[in-house]
């Protein structure tokens, strides 16, 4: 009996010795670490079911529907992984290798890689990848090159411009004196003669080329000529067509515009964020000097306008995701994507025109188009709501010379960036336009709209959310 008791005690002692050795050995194996982390993640998700149920619901919405909002796209799994990484924990005020915090040696490398890849992609001499959004990029540029009360000349919001190009409800319209140019009523294209006329009259310090809902390419050479005539800086906001410009499919603003801003999502297919670039750095035209008495380069002024001018610490996890997206955008597969995106957009515009829809300017050179619905006797708001019910997502949008409010509008804006990422081609675009027309033509028939929704869901079940690499959510 005593021997048995001693044996049991000895076994317990051995077990206590072996247990920590087993745990250490378990975690020395990478696969086991990953398994354990995944286990922890599942339990964390289960601990906040309310939020993660909504994320699952949004995943289903994105999978099942046709996404036609021109400013949206789907990112790769690698972009998602970078955004969800531990880099979100790091504070890193300042620029790479010139930080105000310690422990930045890793994020310095990450951000520097992002900058170098962006330079290669756009053939730019200088970039700043820290802006949190396109609006933040525009705000930083304006802070850097303007004084409160200075004049800016931008594209009219109601003709396809952006809020940050001088809208009275935006900081750009509150801090600066604004004037606008628009499109010709007969053609739907930018009126460059009017740009020059307004510029000569108003003498702006900054002229903005770029739009939020404009389907044609830009004449940057003509815009620079106008800017030079009045002594203005020329900024191009290329947020929508950035990817197409980067791959040489649209005119390049970098040789002609002093400063370029962009978002990193939309056609670039990266995380939601912004960026500022210059084709060539240059001395600031106001004679501003460094403490050493040297003339400041424009890059120094813009870096300072981002931080500490308009932002605090950069989002290094988002910057890592930008770096991943820039590398993807340099690939042959991305070039194929851009070419298909433009084919899809042209077919969509043609099919809409065939069915009697008013496509502003009559077609598209890029990924998007603005549709005037007045010929169909329906408002943009009504069309948006009906199409969303059928799992076709668009956004209401004012059209040039609109007679309705921004809350109602006479049009919708659509784009092919997201659906092309999922692998849809010309034949699918024809079908999508047919389904859009069915909904709008049968707006009072719940049964028709339900049939369209079922057809949309069936069609999109064949296409994962990311086609050119590994599927994101399948």
Protein backbone atom coordinates (compact mmCIF):
# COMPACT_ATOMS: atom_id res chain seq x y z
CA UNK A 1 0.00 0.00 0.00
CA UNK A 2 2.85 2.39 0.91
CA UNK A 3 4.60 1.52 -2.36
CA UNK A 4 1.45 2.34 -4.34
CA UNK A 5 1.06 5.73 -2.60
CA UNK A 6 4.70 6.58 -3.28
CA UNK A 7 4.30 5.56 -6.93
CA UNK A 8 1.27 7.85 -7.37
CA UNK A 9 3.13 10.75 -5.74
CA UNK A 10 6.12 10.15 -8.00
CA UNK A 11 3.87 10.15 -11.11
CA UNK A 12 2.30 13.45 -10.05
CA UNK A 13 5.75 15.01 -9.61
CA UNK A 14 6.82 13.77 -13.05
CA UNK A 15 3.59 15.18 -14.55
CA UNK A 16 4.21 18.59 -12.97
CA UNK A 17 7.75 18.58 -14.38
CA UNK A 18 6.64 17.47 -17.86
CA UNK A 19 3.69 19.91 -18.20
CA UNK A 20 5.71 23.15 -18.53
CA UNK A 21 8.19 21.32 -20.82
CA UNK A 22 5.25 20.24 -23.01
CA UNK A 23 3.82 23.78 -23.11
CA UNK A 24 7.20 25.26 -24.06
CA UNK A 25 7.68 22.60 -26.74
CA UNK A 26 4.15 23.24 -28.05
CA UNK A 27 4.81 26.94 -28.59
CA UNK A 28 8.22 26.36 -30.15
CA UNK A 29 6.39 24.83 -33.12
CA UNK A 30 5.11 27.55 -35.47
CA UNK A 31 2.06 25.53 -36.52
CA UNK A 32 0.95 25.15 -32.95
CA UNK A 33 1.37 28.86 -32.31
CA UNK A 34 -0.84 29.63 -35.32
CA UNK A 35 -3.43 27.09 -34.11
CA UNK A 36 -3.44 28.62 -30.65
CA UNK A 37 -3.75 32.17 -32.02
CA UNK A 38 -6.62 31.09 -34.27
CA UNK A 39 -8.31 29.50 -31.23
CA UNK A 40 -7.93 32.75 -29.31
CA UNK A 41 -9.29 34.75 -32.27
CA UNK A 42 -12.38 32.57 -32.49
CA UNK A 43 -13.04 33.03 -28.80
CA UNK A 44 -12.51 36.80 -29.05
CA UNK A 45 -14.96 36.96 -31.95
CA UNK A 46 -17.47 34.97 -29.93
CA UNK A 47 -17.06 37.41 -27.07
CA UNK A 48 -18.41 40.28 -29.21
CA UNK A 49 -21.00 38.48 -31.27
CA UNK A 50 -22.94 41.66 -31.96
CA UNK A 51 -20.16 43.26 -34.02
CA UNK A 52 -18.88 40.08 -35.66
CA UNK A 53 -22.39 39.07 -36.70
CA UNK A 54 -22.65 42.42 -38.48
CA UNK A 55 -19.30 41.85 -40.17
CA UNK A 56 -20.57 38.47 -41.37
CA UNK A 57 -23.74 40.16 -42.61
CA UNK A 58 -21.72 42.72 -44.56
CA UNK A 59 -19.57 39.92 -46.01
CA UNK A 60 -22.74 38.27 -47.30
CA UNK A 61 -24.00 41.56 -48.74
CA UNK A 62 -20.76 42.08 -50.62
CA UNK A 63 -20.67 38.50 -51.89
CA UNK A 64 -24.24 38.36 -53.14
CA UNK A 65 -24.66 41.78 -54.73
CA UNK A 66 -23.48 43.71 -57.77
CA UNK A 67 -21.29 46.57 -56.51
CA UNK A 68 -21.42 49.51 -58.93
CA UNK A 69 -20.41 52.37 -56.65
CA UNK A 70 -17.54 53.92 -58.60
CA UNK A 71 -15.43 54.71 -55.53
CA UNK A 72 -15.49 51.15 -54.14
CA UNK A 73 -13.43 48.06 -54.85
CA UNK A 74 -12.37 44.77 -53.24
CA UNK A 75 -8.91 44.34 -51.73
CA UNK A 76 -6.78 41.22 -51.74
CA UNK A 77 -6.33 38.97 -48.73
CA UNK A 78 -2.79 40.31 -48.30
CA UNK A 79 -4.07 43.87 -48.08
CA UNK A 80 -6.58 42.74 -45.44
CA UNK A 81 -3.85 40.93 -43.51
CA UNK A 82 -1.62 44.01 -43.45
CA UNK A 83 -4.47 46.20 -42.25
CA UNK A 84 -5.32 43.78 -39.47
CA UNK A 85 -1.73 43.42 -38.27
CA UNK A 86 0.05 44.47 -35.07
CA UNK A 87 1.31 47.57 -36.86
CA UNK A 88 -1.90 49.21 -35.67
CA UNK A 89 -0.34 49.25 -32.18
CA UNK A 90 2.57 51.51 -33.12
CA UNK A 91 2.68 55.28 -32.75
CA UNK A 92 5.09 56.84 -35.24
CA UNK A 93 4.76 60.62 -35.49
CA UNK A 94 7.14 62.06 -38.06
CA UNK A 95 8.70 60.58 -41.19
CA UNK A 96 10.69 57.36 -41.62
CA UNK A 97 14.03 57.58 -39.80
CA UNK A 98 12.97 60.97 -38.35
CA UNK A 99 10.41 60.01 -35.70
CA UNK A 100 9.33 61.58 -32.43
CA UNK A 101 8.87 58.14 -30.83
CA UNK A 102 11.21 55.24 -30.13
CA UNK A 103 10.77 51.72 -31.40
CA UNK A 104 10.02 52.77 -34.98
CA UNK A 105 12.78 50.84 -36.71
CA UNK A 106 10.34 48.31 -38.20
CA UNK A 107 7.59 50.71 -39.26
CA UNK A 108 10.29 52.96 -40.72
CA UNK A 109 11.13 50.16 -43.14
CA UNK A 110 7.46 49.50 -43.88
CA UNK A 111 6.68 53.13 -44.69
CA UNK A 112 9.84 53.56 -46.73
CA UNK A 113 8.94 50.52 -48.84
CA UNK A 114 5.48 52.02 -49.41
CA UNK A 115 7.05 55.30 -50.55
CA UNK A 116 9.49 53.62 -52.92
CA UNK A 117 6.82 51.42 -54.46
CA UNK A 118 4.55 54.43 -54.98
CA UNK A 119 7.39 56.32 -56.66
CA UNK A 120 8.02 53.41 -58.99
CA UNK A 121 4.32 52.96 -59.77
CA UNK A 122 3.72 56.62 -60.67
CA UNK A 123 7.24 57.60 -61.75
CA UNK A 124 7.21 60.25 -59.00
CA UNK A 125 10.23 61.91 -57.42
CA UNK A 126 8.51 62.49 -54.07
CA UNK A 127 5.53 60.99 -52.25
CA UNK A 128 3.92 61.15 -48.83
CA UNK A 129 1.86 58.05 -48.01
CA UNK A 130 0.58 59.21 -44.62
CA UNK A 131 -2.73 60.98 -45.45
CA UNK A 132 -5.63 59.05 -43.93
CA UNK A 133 -7.87 59.81 -46.94
CA UNK A 134 -8.08 61.74 -50.16
CA UNK A 135 -9.81 64.56 -48.31
CA UNK A 136 -6.92 64.67 -45.82
CA UNK A 137 -4.43 64.79 -48.69
CA UNK A 138 -6.28 67.73 -50.24
CA UNK A 139 -6.52 69.49 -46.88
CA UNK A 140 -2.77 69.13 -46.35
CA UNK A 141 -1.95 70.52 -49.79
CA UNK A 142 -4.20 73.53 -49.24
CA UNK A 143 -2.75 74.17 -45.80
CA UNK A 144 0.74 74.00 -47.27
CA UNK A 145 0.29 76.24 -50.30
CA UNK A 146 -2.52 78.63 -49.32
CA UNK A 147 -3.34 81.18 -46.66
CA UNK A 148 -6.85 81.56 -45.30
CA UNK A 149 -8.83 83.69 -47.72
CA UNK A 150 -6.74 82.76 -50.77
CA UNK A 151 -8.58 81.78 -53.94
CA UNK A 152 -9.05 78.33 -55.41
CA UNK A 153 -10.63 77.35 -58.73
CA UNK A 154 -12.18 73.89 -58.79
CA UNK A 155 -14.59 71.66 -60.70
CA UNK A 156 -18.21 72.41 -59.77
CA UNK A 157 -19.60 69.77 -57.40
CA UNK A 158 -22.90 69.66 -59.29
CA UNK A 159 -21.03 68.91 -62.53
CA UNK A 160 -19.00 66.05 -61.05
CA UNK A 161 -16.48 67.75 -58.75
CA UNK A 162 -15.58 66.81 -55.18
CA UNK A 163 -16.52 68.36 -51.84
CA UNK A 164 -12.90 69.22 -51.09
CA UNK A 165 -12.54 71.23 -54.32
CA UNK A 166 -14.34 74.24 -52.86
CA UNK A 167 -17.84 73.19 -51.81
CA UNK A 168 -19.31 75.75 -49.37
CA UNK A 169 -20.18 72.99 -46.86
CA UNK A 170 -16.56 71.76 -46.80
CA UNK A 171 -13.41 73.23 -45.18
CA UNK A 172 -12.19 74.14 -48.68
CA UNK A 173 -15.19 76.41 -49.19
CA UNK A 174 -15.12 77.82 -45.67
CA UNK A 175 -11.42 78.70 -45.40
CA UNK A 176 -10.80 79.83 -48.98
CA UNK A 177 -12.54 81.96 -51.59
CA UNK A 178 -13.85 79.67 -54.28
CA UNK A 179 -14.80 79.83 -57.94
CA UNK A 180 -15.73 77.02 -60.28
CA UNK A 181 -15.67 75.72 -63.82
CA UNK A 182 -17.93 73.03 -65.26
CA UNK A 183 -18.86 71.07 -68.36
CA UNK A 184 -20.44 72.24 -71.58
CA UNK A 185 -24.16 71.51 -71.67
CA UNK A 186 -23.99 70.22 -75.25
CA UNK A 187 -21.09 67.79 -74.74
CA UNK A 188 -20.87 67.03 -71.02
CA UNK A 189 -17.11 67.60 -71.23
CA UNK A 190 -14.97 70.07 -69.26
CA UNK A 191 -15.12 73.56 -70.77
CA UNK A 192 -11.43 74.50 -70.85
CA UNK A 193 -12.20 77.90 -72.33
CA UNK A 194 -14.34 78.60 -69.27
CA UNK A 195 -11.49 77.41 -67.02
CA UNK A 196 -9.25 80.06 -68.57
CA UNK A 197 -11.93 82.73 -68.50
CA UNK A 198 -12.68 82.23 -64.80
CA UNK A 199 -8.98 81.96 -63.93
CA UNK A 200 -8.14 85.24 -65.67
CA UNK A 201 -11.01 86.95 -63.88
CA UNK A 202 -10.53 85.51 -60.38
CA UNK A 203 -6.72 85.09 -60.29
CA UNK A 204 -6.74 81.99 -58.03
CA UNK A 205 -3.64 80.86 -56.15
CA UNK A 206 -4.58 77.19 -56.71
CA UNK A 207 -6.36 75.49 -59.62
CA UNK A 208 -7.66 71.94 -59.18
CA UNK A 209 -8.01 69.42 -62.00
CA UNK A 210 -9.95 66.30 -61.11
CA UNK A 211 -13.40 65.03 -60.26
CA UNK A 212 -15.55 62.62 -58.34
CA UNK A 213 -18.00 61.86 -61.14
CA UNK A 214 -16.46 62.59 -64.54
CA UNK A 215 -16.00 59.91 -67.18
CA UNK A 216 -13.52 61.58 -69.51
CA UNK A 217 -9.75 62.05 -69.54
CA UNK A 218 -8.20 65.42 -68.63
CA UNK A 219 -6.19 67.92 -70.64
CA UNK A 220 -3.47 68.60 -68.07
CA UNK A 221 -1.34 70.51 -70.58
CA UNK A 222 -4.14 73.04 -71.15
CA UNK A 223 -4.78 73.30 -67.41
CA UNK A 224 -1.07 74.02 -66.78
CA UNK A 225 -1.07 76.72 -69.45
CA UNK A 226 -3.97 78.42 -67.67
CA UNK A 227 -2.27 78.08 -64.28
CA UNK A 228 0.94 79.62 -65.62
CA UNK A 229 -0.99 82.56 -67.10
CA UNK A 230 -2.32 83.56 -63.69
CA UNK A 231 0.63 82.45 -61.56
CA UNK A 232 -1.33 79.64 -59.86
CA UNK A 233 -0.22 76.24 -58.67
CA UNK A 234 -1.95 73.34 -60.41
CA UNK A 235 -3.08 70.35 -58.35
CA UNK A 236 -4.52 67.19 -59.92
CA UNK A 237 -6.79 65.05 -57.77
CA UNK A 238 -6.66 61.67 -59.52
CA UNK A 239 -8.45 59.67 -56.82
CA UNK A 240 -10.74 57.85 -59.26
CA UNK A 241 -8.53 57.05 -62.28
CA UNK A 242 -5.23 56.69 -60.34
CA UNK A 243 -4.66 53.04 -61.23
CA UNK A 244 -5.37 53.66 -64.91
CA UNK A 245 -2.97 56.61 -64.93
CA UNK A 246 -0.28 54.60 -63.14
CA UNK A 247 -0.37 51.94 -65.85
CA UNK A 248 -0.28 54.43 -68.72
CA UNK A 249 -3.88 53.96 -69.87
CA UNK A 250 -4.86 57.60 -69.30
CA UNK A 251 -2.95 60.88 -69.59
CA UNK A 252 -0.29 61.38 -66.94
CA UNK A 253 -0.62 64.54 -64.83
CA UNK A 254 2.78 64.24 -63.11
CA UNK A 255 4.82 66.02 -65.82
CA UNK A 256 2.35 68.93 -65.93
CA UNK A 257 0.82 69.44 -62.47
CA UNK A 258 2.79 70.85 -59.56
CA UNK A 259 1.15 68.52 -57.03
CA UNK A 260 -0.95 65.36 -57.32
CA UNK A 261 -3.29 63.87 -54.72
CA UNK A 262 -5.08 60.56 -54.77
CA UNK A 263 -6.88 57.98 -52.72
CA UNK A 264 -5.40 54.49 -52.54
CA UNK A 265 -8.64 52.57 -52.96
CA UNK A 266 -10.97 52.91 -55.98
CA UNK A 267 -9.08 51.77 -59.12
CA UNK A 268 -5.82 51.34 -57.16
CA UNK A 269 -7.55 48.57 -55.20
CA UNK A 270 -5.76 49.27 -51.93
CA UNK A 271 -6.93 50.19 -48.43
CA UNK A 272 -8.98 53.32 -47.80
CA UNK A 273 -6.39 56.07 -47.58
CA UNK A 274 -4.69 58.96 -49.37
CA UNK A 275 -1.37 60.03 -50.84
CA UNK A 276 0.37 63.16 -52.15
CA UNK A 277 2.93 63.07 -54.99
CA UNK A 278 5.10 65.27 -57.17
CA UNK A 279 6.66 64.35 -60.49
CA UNK A 280 9.55 66.66 -59.66
CA UNK A 281 10.31 68.43 -56.40
CA UNK A 282 10.91 72.17 -56.65
CA UNK A 283 11.77 75.20 -54.54
CA UNK A 284 8.75 76.84 -52.98
CA UNK A 285 7.75 80.00 -54.93
CA UNK A 286 7.28 82.18 -51.84
CA UNK A 287 10.90 82.16 -50.69
CA UNK A 288 10.19 80.35 -47.41
CA UNK A 289 13.44 79.25 -45.76
CA UNK A 290 14.68 76.61 -43.35
CA UNK A 291 16.26 77.63 -40.00
CA UNK A 292 19.60 77.34 -41.81
CA UNK A 293 18.53 79.96 -44.32
CA UNK A 294 18.06 77.56 -47.24
CA UNK A 295 15.04 77.82 -49.54
CA UNK A 296 12.54 75.12 -48.56
CA UNK A 297 11.69 72.53 -51.16
CA UNK A 298 7.98 72.01 -51.81
CA UNK A 299 8.34 68.47 -50.46
CA UNK A 300 9.38 69.89 -47.07
CA UNK A 301 6.35 72.16 -47.02
CA UNK A 302 3.97 69.36 -47.93
CA UNK A 303 5.51 66.91 -45.44
CA UNK A 304 5.00 69.53 -42.73
CA UNK A 305 1.45 70.17 -43.89
CA UNK A 306 0.63 66.48 -43.36
CA UNK A 307 2.40 66.27 -39.98
CA UNK A 308 2.13 68.26 -37.81
CA UNK A 309 -0.11 70.41 -40.01
CA UNK A 310 -3.24 68.29 -40.37
CA UNK A 311 -2.54 64.89 -38.78
CA UNK A 312 -0.88 63.28 -35.81
CA UNK A 313 0.55 59.78 -35.95
CA UNK A 314 0.25 57.92 -39.25
CA UNK A 315 -1.70 54.67 -39.54
CA UNK A 316 1.20 52.31 -40.13
CA UNK A 317 -1.02 49.25 -40.59
CA UNK A 318 -2.83 51.09 -43.40
CA UNK A 319 0.49 52.24 -44.87
CA UNK A 320 1.63 48.60 -44.91
CA UNK A 321 -1.56 47.71 -46.77
CA UNK A 322 -0.84 50.54 -49.23
CA UNK A 323 2.61 49.06 -49.83
CA UNK A 324 1.05 45.67 -50.57
CA UNK A 325 -1.45 47.23 -52.98
CA UNK A 326 1.28 49.19 -54.78
CA UNK A 327 3.23 45.98 -55.37
CA UNK A 328 0.09 44.31 -56.71
CA UNK A 329 -0.52 47.32 -59.00
CA UNK A 330 2.94 46.84 -60.51
CA UNK A 331 2.07 43.30 -61.62
CA UNK A 332 1.04 42.05 -65.06
CA UNK A 333 -2.19 40.76 -63.55
CA UNK A 334 -3.15 44.24 -62.43
CA UNK A 335 -2.54 45.58 -65.94
CA UNK A 336 -4.91 42.92 -67.28
CA UNK A 337 -7.44 44.02 -64.68
CA UNK A 338 -7.21 47.68 -65.75
CA UNK A 339 -7.69 46.81 -69.41
CA UNK A 340 -10.75 44.68 -68.61
CA UNK A 341 -12.15 47.37 -66.32
CA UNK A 342 -12.08 49.89 -69.18
CA UNK A 343 -13.67 47.42 -71.62
CA UNK A 344 -16.44 46.74 -69.12
CA UNK A 345 -17.08 50.45 -68.59
CA UNK A 346 -17.34 51.14 -72.32
CA UNK A 347 -19.81 48.29 -72.80
CA UNK A 348 -21.87 49.49 -69.84
CA UNK A 349 -22.10 53.01 -71.25
CA UNK A 350 -23.04 51.71 -74.69
CA UNK A 351 -25.73 49.40 -73.33
CA UNK A 352 -27.25 52.18 -71.20
CA UNK A 353 -27.38 54.53 -74.19
CA UNK A 354 -29.04 51.78 -76.26
CA UNK A 355 -31.80 51.59 -73.66
CA UNK A 356 -32.42 55.33 -73.69
CA UNK A 357 -30.46 56.40 -70.62
CA UNK A 358 -28.64 59.73 -70.72
CA UNK A 359 -24.95 59.02 -70.11
CA UNK A 360 -23.23 62.35 -69.50
CA UNK A 361 -20.69 63.05 -72.30
CA UNK A 362 -22.08 60.07 -74.21
CA UNK A 363 -19.59 57.52 -72.90
CA UNK A 364 -16.51 56.96 -70.76
CA UNK A 365 -12.72 56.94 -70.96
CA UNK A 366 -12.22 55.46 -67.49
CA UNK A 367 -14.10 53.22 -65.06
CA UNK A 368 -17.14 55.33 -64.25
CA UNK A 369 -20.10 57.18 -65.77
CA UNK A 370 -22.83 59.56 -64.68
CA UNK A 371 -26.36 58.67 -65.75
CA UNK A 372 -29.10 61.29 -66.21
CA UNK A 373 -32.40 59.60 -65.34
CA UNK A 374 -34.76 62.40 -66.32
CA UNK A 375 -35.61 60.62 -69.57
CA UNK A 376 -36.90 57.73 -67.44
CA UNK A 377 -38.98 59.97 -65.17
CA UNK A 378 -37.32 58.75 -61.99
CA UNK A 379 -35.06 60.50 -59.48
CA UNK A 380 -31.62 59.36 -58.43
CA UNK A 381 -32.87 58.74 -54.90
CA UNK A 382 -35.69 56.51 -56.11
CA UNK A 383 -33.43 54.59 -58.48
CA UNK A 384 -30.79 54.03 -55.79
CA UNK A 385 -33.34 52.65 -53.32
CA UNK A 386 -34.98 50.38 -55.90
CA UNK A 387 -31.69 48.97 -57.14
CA UNK A 388 -30.40 48.35 -53.62
CA UNK A 389 -33.55 46.31 -52.99
CA UNK A 390 -32.47 44.17 -55.95
CA UNK A 391 -28.90 43.88 -54.52
CA UNK A 392 -27.47 46.24 -57.15
CA UNK A 393 -25.61 49.01 -55.32
CA UNK A 394 -25.28 52.47 -56.89
CA UNK A 395 -25.30 56.00 -55.48
CA UNK A 396 -27.58 58.90 -56.36
CA UNK A 397 -25.67 61.79 -57.87
CA UNK A 398 -26.36 65.25 -59.20
CA UNK A 399 -25.91 65.68 -62.94
CA UNK A 400 -24.79 68.85 -64.72
CA UNK A 401 -27.51 71.50 -64.77
CA UNK A 402 -29.61 69.44 -62.35
CA UNK A 403 -33.00 70.78 -61.34
CA UNK A 404 -33.23 68.69 -58.15
CA UNK A 405 -31.56 68.94 -54.74
CA UNK A 406 -28.45 66.96 -53.70
CA UNK A 407 -30.72 64.88 -51.46
CA UNK A 408 -32.89 63.81 -54.42
CA UNK A 409 -30.81 64.30 -57.62
CA UNK A 410 -31.63 63.50 -61.22
CA UNK A 411 -28.94 60.88 -61.68
CA UNK A 412 -26.88 57.97 -60.45
CA UNK A 413 -23.16 57.30 -60.67
CA UNK A 414 -21.88 53.82 -61.56
CA UNK A 415 -18.46 52.24 -62.07
CA UNK A 416 -16.89 48.92 -63.02
CA UNK A 417 -13.86 48.78 -60.69
CA UNK A 418 -15.35 46.38 -58.14
CA UNK A 419 -17.21 44.01 -60.44
CA UNK A 420 -14.15 43.68 -62.68
CA UNK A 421 -12.11 42.61 -59.65
CA UNK A 422 -14.58 39.78 -59.22
CA UNK A 423 -13.98 38.61 -62.79
CA UNK A 424 -17.02 39.90 -64.66
CA UNK A 425 -16.52 40.57 -68.37
CA UNK A 426 -18.39 42.20 -71.22
CA UNK A 427 -21.14 39.59 -71.49
CA UNK A 428 -21.93 39.96 -67.80
CA UNK A 429 -22.05 43.74 -68.12
CA UNK A 430 -24.75 43.46 -70.79
CA UNK A 431 -26.78 41.33 -68.37
CA UNK A 432 -26.29 43.76 -65.49
CA UNK A 433 -27.56 46.69 -67.57
CA UNK A 434 -30.55 44.57 -68.58
CA UNK A 435 -31.30 43.90 -64.91
CA UNK A 436 -30.94 47.59 -64.02
CA UNK A 437 -33.40 48.46 -66.77
CA UNK A 438 -35.85 45.81 -65.58
CA UNK A 439 -35.88 47.32 -62.09
CA UNK A 440 -36.33 50.91 -63.25
CA UNK A 441 -38.91 50.00 -65.91
CA UNK A 442 -40.90 47.87 -63.43
CA UNK A 443 -40.37 50.10 -60.39
CA UNK A 444 -43.84 49.36 -58.99
CA UNK A 445 -43.58 45.58 -59.27
CA UNK A 446 -42.22 43.94 -56.13
CA UNK A 447 -42.26 40.55 -57.83
CA UNK A 448 -40.05 41.72 -60.73
CA UNK A 449 -37.59 43.34 -58.32
CA UNK A 450 -37.48 40.14 -56.26
CA UNK A 451 -36.84 38.09 -59.41
CA UNK A 452 -34.00 40.43 -60.35
CA UNK A 453 -32.51 40.11 -56.86
CA UNK A 454 -32.55 36.32 -57.11
CA UNK A 455 -30.93 36.48 -60.54
CA UNK A 456 -28.26 38.85 -59.21
CA UNK A 457 -27.50 36.55 -56.28
CA UNK A 458 -27.27 33.51 -58.56
CA UNK A 459 -24.95 35.28 -61.00
CA UNK A 460 -22.63 36.66 -58.31
CA UNK A 461 -22.34 33.30 -56.55
CA UNK A 462 -20.08 32.30 -59.45
CA UNK A 463 -17.55 35.05 -58.72
CA UNK A 464 -15.39 35.29 -55.58
CA UNK A 465 -14.54 38.71 -54.21
CA UNK A 466 -10.97 38.65 -55.56
CA UNK A 467 -10.09 36.99 -58.84
CA UNK A 468 -6.44 37.89 -59.60
CA UNK A 469 -5.01 36.35 -56.46
CA UNK A 470 -6.32 34.34 -53.57
CA UNK A 471 -9.99 34.83 -52.80
CA UNK A 472 -10.61 37.21 -49.93
CA UNK A 473 -13.69 35.83 -48.24
CA UNK A 474 -14.47 32.51 -49.88
